[in-house]
PDB file of N, CA and C in Angstrom:
ATOM      1  N   MET A   1       0.854  -0.982  -0.121  1.00  0.00           N
ATOM      2  CA  MET A   1       0.003  -0.077  -0.243  1.00  0.00           C
ATOM      3  C   MET A   1       0.802   0.885  -0.337  1.00  0.00           C
ATOM      4  N   LEU A   2       1.742   1.179   0.725  1.00  0.00           N
ATOM      5  CA  LEU A   2       2.818   2.110   1.093  1.00  0.00           C
ATOM      6  C   LEU A   2       3.380   2.867  -0.429  1.00  0.00           C
ATOM      7  N   LYS A   3       3.926   1.214  -1.132  1.00  0.00           N
ATOM      8  CA  LYS A   3       4.213   1.672  -2.285  1.00  0.00           C
ATOM      9  C   LYS A   3       3.843   2.381  -3.667  1.00  0.00           C
ATOM     10  N   PHE A   4       2.348   1.627  -3.453  1.00  0.00           N
ATOM     11  CA  PHE A   4       1.384   2.028  -4.336  1.00  0.00           C
ATOM     12  C   PHE A   4       1.281   3.854  -4.206  1.00  0.00           C
ATOM     13  N   LEU A   5       1.214   4.267  -2.668  1.00  0.00           N
ATOM     14  CA  LEU A   5       1.362   5.509  -2.591  1.00  0.00           C
ATOM     15  C   LEU A   5       2.109   6.363  -2.845  1.00  0.00           C
ATOM     16  N   GLY A   6       3.597   5.987  -2.505  1.00  0.00           N
ATOM     17  CA  GLY A   6       4.845   6.533  -3.061  1.00  0.00           C
ATOM     18  C   GLY A   6       4.851   6.887  -4.749  1.00  0.00           C
ATOM     19  N   ASP A   7       4.530   5.954  -5.428  1.00  0.00           N
ATOM     20  CA  ASP A   7       4.471   5.675  -6.846  1.00  0.00           C
ATOM     21  C   ASP A   7       3.722   6.509  -7.675  1.00  0.00           C
ATOM     22  N   SER A   8       2.159   7.145  -6.895  1.00  0.00           N
ATOM     23  CA  SER A   8       0.959   7.684  -7.299  1.00  0.00           C
ATOM     24  C   SER A   8       1.862   9.138  -7.252  1.00  0.00           C
ATOM     25  N   TYR A   9       2.649   9.530  -5.725  1.00  0.00           N
ATOM     26  CA  TYR A   9       2.855  10.507  -5.576  1.00  0.00           C
ATOM     27  C   TYR A   9       3.878  10.664  -6.600  1.00  0.00           C
ATOM     28  N   THR A  10       4.702  10.170  -6.927  1.00  0.00           N
ATOM     29  CA  THR A  10       6.075  10.203  -7.958  1.00  0.00           C
ATOM     30  C   THR A  10       5.098  10.659  -9.395  1.00  0.00           C
ATOM     31  N   PHE A  11       4.242   9.636  -9.512  1.00  0.00           N
ATOM     32  CA  PHE A  11       4.229  10.088 -10.789  1.00  0.00           C
ATOM     33  C   PHE A  11       3.264  11.391 -10.974  1.00  0.00           C
ATOM     34  N   TYR A  12       2.217  12.029 -10.358  1.00  0.00           N
ATOM     35  CA  TYR A  12       1.419  13.454 -10.095  1.00  0.00           C
ATOM     36  C   TYR A  12       2.548  14.271 -10.045  1.00  0.00           C
ATOM     37  N   ARG A  13       3.611  14.144  -9.245  1.00  0.00           N
ATOM     38  CA  ARG A  13       4.862  15.178  -9.312  1.00  0.00           C
ATOM     39  C   ARG A  13       5.317  15.362 -10.551  1.00  0.00           C
ATOM     40  N   ASN A  14       5.871  14.122 -11.245  1.00  0.00           N
ATOM     41  CA  ASN A  14       6.770  14.870 -12.279  1.00  0.00           C
ATOM     42  C   ASN A  14       5.671  14.946 -13.613  1.00  0.00           C
ATOM     43  N   GLY A  15       4.338  14.765 -13.368  1.00  0.00           N
ATOM     44  CA  GLY A  15       3.440  15.117 -14.415  1.00  0.00           C
ATOM     45  C   GLY A  15       3.094  16.721 -14.264  1.00  0.00           C
ATOM     46  N   PHE A  16       3.171  16.799 -12.894  1.00  0.00           N
ATOM     47  CA  PHE A  16       2.873  18.178 -12.880  1.00  0.00           C
ATOM     48  C   PHE A  16       3.934  19.204 -13.153  1.00  0.00           C
ATOM     49  N   ALA A  17       5.138  18.852 -12.520  1.00  0.00           N
ATOM     50  CA  ALA A  17       6.464  19.648 -12.968  1.00  0.00           C
ATOM     51  C   ALA A  17       6.833  20.022 -14.662  1.00  0.00           C
ATOM     52  N   GLY A  18       5.951  19.288 -15.210  1.00  0.00           N
ATOM     53  CA  GLY A  18       6.385  19.035 -16.563  1.00  0.00           C
ATOM     54  C   GLY A  18       4.999  20.053 -17.783  1.00  0.00           C
ATOM     55  N   MET A  19       4.104  20.276 -16.787  1.00  0.00           N
ATOM     56  CA  MET A  19       2.704  20.847 -17.381  1.00  0.00           C
ATOM     57  C   MET A  19       3.342  22.477 -17.091  1.00  0.00           C
ATOM     58  N   LEU A  20       2.669  23.275 -18.509  1.00  0.00           N
ATOM     59  CA  LEU A  20       2.809  24.837 -18.251  1.00  0.00           C
ATOM     60  C   LEU A  20       1.103  25.157 -18.546  1.00  0.00           C
ATOM     61  N   LEU A  21       0.500  24.688 -19.369  1.00  0.00           N
ATOM     62  CA  LEU A  21      -0.973  25.585 -19.459  1.00  0.00           C
ATOM     63  C   LEU A  21      -1.675  24.733 -18.290  1.00  0.00           C
ATOM     64  N   GLY A  22      -1.036  23.714 -17.775  1.00  0.00           N
ATOM     65  CA  GLY A  22      -2.130  22.860 -16.707  1.00  0.00           C
ATOM     66  C   GLY A  22      -1.745  23.490 -15.279  1.00  0.00           C
ATOM     67  N   LYS A  23      -0.979  23.991 -15.097  1.00  0.00           N
ATOM     68  CA  LYS A  23      -0.490  24.730 -13.849  1.00  0.00           C
ATOM     69  C   LYS A  23      -1.210  26.200 -13.477  1.00  0.00           C
ATOM     70  N   LYS A  24      -1.828  26.615 -14.957  1.00  0.00           N
ATOM     71  CA  LYS A  24      -2.962  27.722 -15.032  1.00  0.00           C
ATOM     72  C   LYS A  24      -4.176  27.163 -14.728  1.00  0.00           C
ATOM     73  N   LEU A  25      -4.257  26.309 -15.514  1.00  0.00           N
ATOM     74  CA  LEU A  25      -5.714  25.785 -15.046  1.00  0.00           C
ATOM     75  C   LEU A  25      -6.310  25.184 -13.744  1.00  0.00           C
ATOM     76  N   TRP A  26      -5.004  24.495 -13.415  1.00  0.00           N
ATOM     77  CA  TRP A  26      -5.393  23.886 -11.988  1.00  0.00           C
ATOM     78  C   TRP A  26      -5.631  25.254 -11.130  1.00  0.00           C
ATOM     79  N   LYS A  27      -4.588  26.493 -11.188  1.00  0.00           N
ATOM     80  CA  LYS A  27      -4.826  27.735 -10.529  1.00  0.00           C
ATOM     81  C   LYS A  27      -6.347  28.497 -10.411  1.00  0.00           C
ATOM     82  N   ILE A  28      -6.885  28.049 -11.692  1.00  0.00           N
ATOM     83  CA  ILE A  28      -8.221  28.808 -11.897  1.00  0.00           C
ATOM     84  C   ILE A  28      -9.242  27.890 -11.392  1.00  0.00           C
ATOM     85  N   ILE A  29      -9.201  26.823 -11.351  1.00  0.00           N
ATOM     86  CA  ILE A  29     -10.033  25.582 -10.693  1.00  0.00           C
ATOM     87  C   ILE A  29     -10.217  26.087  -9.395  1.00  0.00           C
ATOM     88  N   ILE A  30      -9.005  26.136  -8.507  1.00  0.00           N
ATOM     89  CA  ILE A  30      -8.658  26.213  -7.325  1.00  0.00           C
ATOM     90  C   ILE A  30      -9.372  27.593  -6.708  1.00  0.00           C
ATOM     91  N   ILE A  31      -9.125  28.719  -7.330  1.00  0.00           N
ATOM     92  CA  ILE A  31      -9.292  30.010  -7.201  1.00  0.00           C
ATOM     93  C   ILE A  31     -11.426  29.868  -7.535  1.00  0.00           C
ATOM     94  N   LYS A  32     -11.619  29.191  -8.367  1.00  0.00           N
ATOM     95  CA  LYS A  32     -13.234  29.033  -8.522  1.00  0.00           C
ATOM     96  C   LYS A  32     -13.910  28.084  -7.252  1.00  0.00           C
ATOM     97  N   LEU A  33     -12.784  27.143  -6.974  1.00  0.00           N
ATOM     98  CA  LEU A  33     -13.828  26.291  -5.883  1.00  0.00           C
ATOM     99  C   LEU A  33     -13.887  27.439  -4.480  1.00  0.00           C
ATOM    100  N   PHE A  34     -12.391  27.940  -4.283  1.00  0.00           N
ATOM    101  CA  PHE A  34     -12.597  28.701  -3.282  1.00  0.00           C
ATOM    102  C   PHE A  34     -13.951  29.853  -3.327  1.00  0.00           C
ATOM    103  N   VAL A  35     -13.993  30.281  -4.343  1.00  0.00           N
ATOM    104  CA  VAL A  35     -15.261  31.441  -4.485  1.00  0.00           C
ATOM    105  C   VAL A  35     -16.046  30.863  -4.116  1.00  0.00           C
ATOM    106  N   MET A  36     -16.734  29.387  -5.083  1.00  0.00           N
ATOM    107  CA  MET A  36     -18.126  28.928  -4.699  1.00  0.00           C
ATOM    108  C   MET A  36     -17.749  28.240  -3.312  1.00  0.00           C
ATOM    109  N   PHE A  37     -17.300  27.778  -2.575  1.00  0.00           N
ATOM    110  CA  PHE A  37     -17.904  27.283  -1.350  1.00  0.00           C
ATOM    111  C   PHE A  37     -17.246  28.102  -0.372  1.00  0.00           C
ATOM    112  N   VAL A  38     -16.666  29.250  -0.147  1.00  0.00           N
ATOM    113  CA  VAL A  38     -16.023  30.128   0.714  1.00  0.00           C
ATOM    114  C   VAL A  38     -16.844  31.391   1.002  1.00  0.00           C
ATOM    115  N   ILE A  39     -16.574  32.031  -0.451  1.00  0.00           N
ATOM    116  CA  ILE A  39     -17.497  33.192  -0.687  1.00  0.00           C
ATOM    117  C   ILE A  39     -18.805  33.496  -0.695  1.00  0.00           C
ATOM    118  N   LEU A  40     -19.651  32.569  -1.598  1.00  0.00           N
ATOM    119  CA  LEU A  40     -21.044  32.632  -1.732  1.00  0.00           C
ATOM    120  C   LEU A  40     -21.666  31.890  -0.314  1.00  0.00           C
ATOM    121  N   LYS A  41     -20.904  31.013   0.376  1.00  0.00           N
ATOM    122  CA  LYS A  41     -21.505  30.380   1.414  1.00  0.00           C
ATOM    123  C   LYS A  41     -22.053  31.556   2.537  1.00  0.00           C
ATOM    124  N   LEU A  42     -20.615  32.626   2.745  1.00  0.00           N
ATOM    125  CA  LEU A  42     -20.608  33.393   3.384  1.00  0.00           C
ATOM    126  C   LEU A  42     -21.515  34.137   3.315  1.00  0.00           C
ATOM    127  N   PHE A  43     -21.895  34.696   2.326  1.00  0.00           N
ATOM    128  CA  PHE A  43     -23.077  36.010   1.677  1.00  0.00           C
ATOM    129  C   PHE A  43     -24.161  35.541   1.230  1.00  0.00           C
ATOM    130  N   PHE A  44     -24.470  34.287   0.793  1.00  0.00           N
ATOM    131  CA  PHE A  44     -25.462  34.125   0.033  1.00  0.00           C
ATOM    132  C   PHE A  44     -26.537  33.096   1.036  1.00  0.00           C
ATOM    133  N   PHE A  45     -25.852  32.281   1.748  1.00  0.00           N
ATOM    134  CA  PHE A  45     -26.130  31.110   2.597  1.00  0.00           C
ATOM    135  C   PHE A  45     -26.003  31.157   4.285  1.00  0.00           C
ATOM    136  N   PRO A  46     -26.570  32.239   4.758  1.00  0.00           N
ATOM    137  CA  PRO A  46     -26.663  32.135   5.997  1.00  0.00           C
ATOM    138  C   PRO A  46     -26.553  30.807   7.057  1.00  0.00           C
ATOM    139  N   ASN A  47     -26.703  30.474   8.050  1.00  0.00           N
ATOM    140  CA  ASN A  47     -26.763  29.444   8.825  1.00  0.00           C
ATOM    141  C   ASN A  47     -27.986  29.698   9.505  1.00  0.00           C
ATOM    142  N   TYR A  48     -29.679  29.207   9.015  1.00  0.00           N
ATOM    143  CA  TYR A  48     -30.538  29.813   9.271  1.00  0.00           C
ATOM    144  C   TYR A  48     -31.237  28.748  10.722  1.00  0.00           C
ATOM    145  N   LEU A  49     -30.510  27.463  10.467  1.00  0.00           N
ATOM    146  CA  LEU A  49     -30.859  26.716  11.634  1.00  0.00           C
ATOM    147  C   LEU A  49     -30.359  27.407  12.949  1.00  0.00           C
ATOM    148  N   ASN A  50     -28.823  27.879  13.301  1.00  0.00           N
ATOM    149  CA  ASN A  50     -28.453  28.550  14.064  1.00  0.00           C
ATOM    150  C   ASN A  50     -28.990  29.977  14.404  1.00  0.00           C
ATOM    151  N   THR A  51     -29.782  30.616  13.982  1.00  0.00           N
ATOM    152  CA  THR A  51     -30.489  31.911  14.021  1.00  0.00           C
ATOM    153  C   THR A  51     -31.896  31.802  14.548  1.00  0.00           C
ATOM    154  N   LYS A  52     -32.339  30.660  14.238  1.00  0.00           N
ATOM    155  CA  LYS A  52     -33.592  30.418  14.616  1.00  0.00           C
ATOM    156  C   LYS A  52     -33.859  29.741  15.864  1.00  0.00           C
ATOM    157  N   PHE A  53     -33.239  28.605  16.170  1.00  0.00           N
ATOM    158  CA  PHE A  53     -33.170  27.119  17.268  1.00  0.00           C
ATOM    159  C   PHE A  53     -31.945  27.809  17.987  1.00  0.00           C
ATOM    160  N   HIS A  54     -31.913  26.832  19.118  1.00  0.00           N
ATOM    161  CA  HIS A  54     -30.936  27.267  20.056  1.00  0.00           C
ATOM    162  C   HIS A  54     -30.389  25.827  20.580  1.00  0.00           C
ATOM    163  N   THR A  55     -31.437  24.519  20.547  1.00  0.00           N
ATOM    164  CA  THR A  55     -30.856  23.426  20.969  1.00  0.00           C
ATOM    165  C   THR A  55     -30.872  22.502  19.720  1.00  0.00           C
ATOM    166  N   ASP A  56     -29.861  21.520  19.738  1.00  0.00           N
ATOM    167  CA  ASP A  56     -29.658  20.444  18.711  1.00  0.00           C
ATOM    168  C   ASP A  56     -31.391  19.654  18.578  1.00  0.00           C
ATOM    169  N   GLU A  57     -32.083  19.488  19.146  1.00  0.00           N
ATOM    170  CA  GLU A  57     -33.360  18.934  19.041  1.00  0.00           C
ATOM    171  C   GLU A  57     -34.027  19.854  18.516  1.00  0.00           C
ATOM    172  N   ALA A  58     -34.599  20.945  18.760  1.00  0.00           N
ATOM    173  CA  ALA A  58     -35.572  22.427  18.245  1.00  0.00           C
ATOM    174  C   ALA A  58     -34.768  22.237  16.762  1.00  0.00           C
ATOM    175  N   LYS A  59     -33.864  22.316  16.237  1.00  0.00           N
ATOM    176  CA  LYS A  59     -33.027  22.308  14.523  1.00  0.00           C
ATOM    177  C   LYS A  59     -33.717  20.678  14.391  1.00  0.00           C
ATOM    178  N   GLY A  60     -33.276  19.850  15.049  1.00  0.00           N
ATOM    179  CA  GLY A  60     -34.065  18.180  14.049  1.00  0.00           C
ATOM    180  C   GLY A  60     -35.200  18.303  13.696  1.00  0.00           C
ATOM    181  N   ASN A  61     -36.057  18.901  15.024  1.00  0.00           N
ATOM    182  CA  ASN A  61     -37.559  18.707  14.812  1.00  0.00           C
ATOM    183  C   ASN A  61     -38.108  19.618  13.586  1.00  0.00           C
ATOM    184  N   TYR A  62     -37.362  20.796  13.777  1.00  0.00           N
ATOM    185  CA  TYR A  62     -37.842  21.616  12.502  1.00  0.00           C
ATOM    186  C   TYR A  62     -37.257  21.101  11.349  1.00  0.00           C
ATOM    187  N   VAL A  63     -36.230  20.533  10.799  1.00  0.00           N
ATOM    188  CA  VAL A  63     -35.736  19.427   9.688  1.00  0.00           C
ATOM    189  C   VAL A  63     -36.634  18.986   9.644  1.00  0.00           C
ATOM    190  N   LEU A  64     -37.207  17.650  10.621  1.00  0.00           N
ATOM    191  CA  LEU A  64     -37.793  16.628  10.204  1.00  0.00           C
ATOM    192  C   LEU A  64     -39.394  17.183   9.800  1.00  0.00           C
ATOM    193  N   GLU A  65     -40.099  18.186  10.725  1.00  0.00           N
ATOM    194  CA  GLU A  65     -41.030  18.491   9.445  1.00  0.00           C
ATOM    195  C   GLU A  65     -41.189  19.163   8.373  1.00  0.00           C
ATOM    196  N   GLN A  66     -40.076  19.703   8.261  1.00  0.00           N
ATOM    197  CA  GLN A  66     -39.713  20.601   6.870  1.00  0.00           C
ATOM    198  C   GLN A  66     -40.152  19.333   5.727  1.00  0.00           C
ATOM    199  N   ILE A  67     -38.968  18.212   6.088  1.00  0.00           N
ATOM    200  CA  ILE A  67     -38.777  17.184   5.049  1.00  0.00           C
ATOM    201  C   ILE A  67     -40.073  16.327   5.087  1.00  0.00           C
ATOM    202  N   THR A  68     -40.331  16.128   6.026  1.00  0.00           N
ATOM    203  CA  THR A  68     -41.773  15.188   6.186  1.00  0.00           C
ATOM    204  C   THR A  68     -43.234  15.925   5.482  1.00  0.00           C
ATOM    205  N   ARG A  69     -43.375  17.377   5.647  1.00  0.00           N
ATOM    206  CA  ARG A  69     -44.228  18.169   4.689  1.00  0.00           C
ATOM    207  C   ARG A  69     -44.159  18.264   3.361  1.00  0.00           C
ATOM    208  N   ASN A  70     -43.065  18.377   3.196  1.00  0.00           N
ATOM    209  CA  ASN A  70     -42.266  18.694   1.367  1.00  0.00           C
ATOM    210  C   ASN A  70     -42.932  16.884   0.878  1.00  0.00           C
ATOM    211  N   ALA A  71     -42.589  15.797   1.556  1.00  0.00           N
ATOM    212  CA  ALA A  71     -42.529  14.780   1.311  1.00  0.00           C
ATOM    213  C   ALA A  71     -44.441  14.656   0.846  1.00  0.00           C
ATOM    214  N   SER A  72     -44.605  14.873   1.813  1.00  0.00           N
ATOM    215  CA  SER A  72     -46.485  14.526   2.078  1.00  0.00           C
ATOM    216  C   SER A  72     -47.014  15.421   0.858  1.00  0.00           C
ATOM    217  N   LEU A  73     -46.638  16.707   0.438  1.00  0.00           N
ATOM    218  CA  LEU A  73     -47.133  17.438  -0.720  1.00  0.00           C
ATOM    219  C   LEU A  73     -46.805  16.873  -1.776  1.00  0.00           C
ATOM    220  N   GLY A  74     -45.669  16.695  -2.230  1.00  0.00           N
ATOM    221  CA  GLY A  74     -45.192  15.872  -3.182  1.00  0.00           C
ATOM    222  C   GLY A  74     -46.157  14.689  -3.695  1.00  0.00           C
ATOM    223  N   PHE A  75     -46.095  14.005  -2.494  1.00  0.00           N
ATOM    224  CA  PHE A  75     -47.469  12.794  -2.935  1.00  0.00           C
ATOM    225  C   PHE A  75     -48.715  12.687  -3.335  1.00  0.00           C
ATOM    226  N   ALA A  76     -49.356  14.033  -2.691  1.00  0.00           N
ATOM    227  CA  ALA A  76     -50.830  14.308  -2.620  1.00  0.00           C
ATOM    228  C   ALA A  76     -50.923  14.880  -4.201  1.00  0.00           C
ATOM    229  N   GLN A  77     -49.749  16.043  -4.515  1.00  0.00           N
ATOM    230  CA  GLN A  77     -50.001  16.628  -6.111  1.00  0.00           C
ATOM    231  C   GLN A  77     -50.210  15.175  -6.900  1.00  0.00           C
ATOM    232  N   LYS A  78     -49.381  14.019  -6.986  1.00  0.00           N
ATOM    233  CA  LYS A  78     -49.234  13.034  -8.165  1.00  0.00           C
ATOM    234  C   LYS A  78     -50.320  12.214  -8.444  1.00  0.00           C
TER     235      LYS A  78
END
């Protein structure tokens, strides 16, 4: 298993060392992922449950109620 990991590391290290365009593309991908998962979450997806409920039990009950209510509405429409 350790030999496989070492060989894999060497393979990717040598592959990335020879890239020119690939390095720029990987930088763009990493920046894009950072924006998607960090910046957008901070500004557009507030933590609704922590602002409305103080205990884990209250949060769980609310989520369960929302899931079962939406599921029963979906079956009623079909």
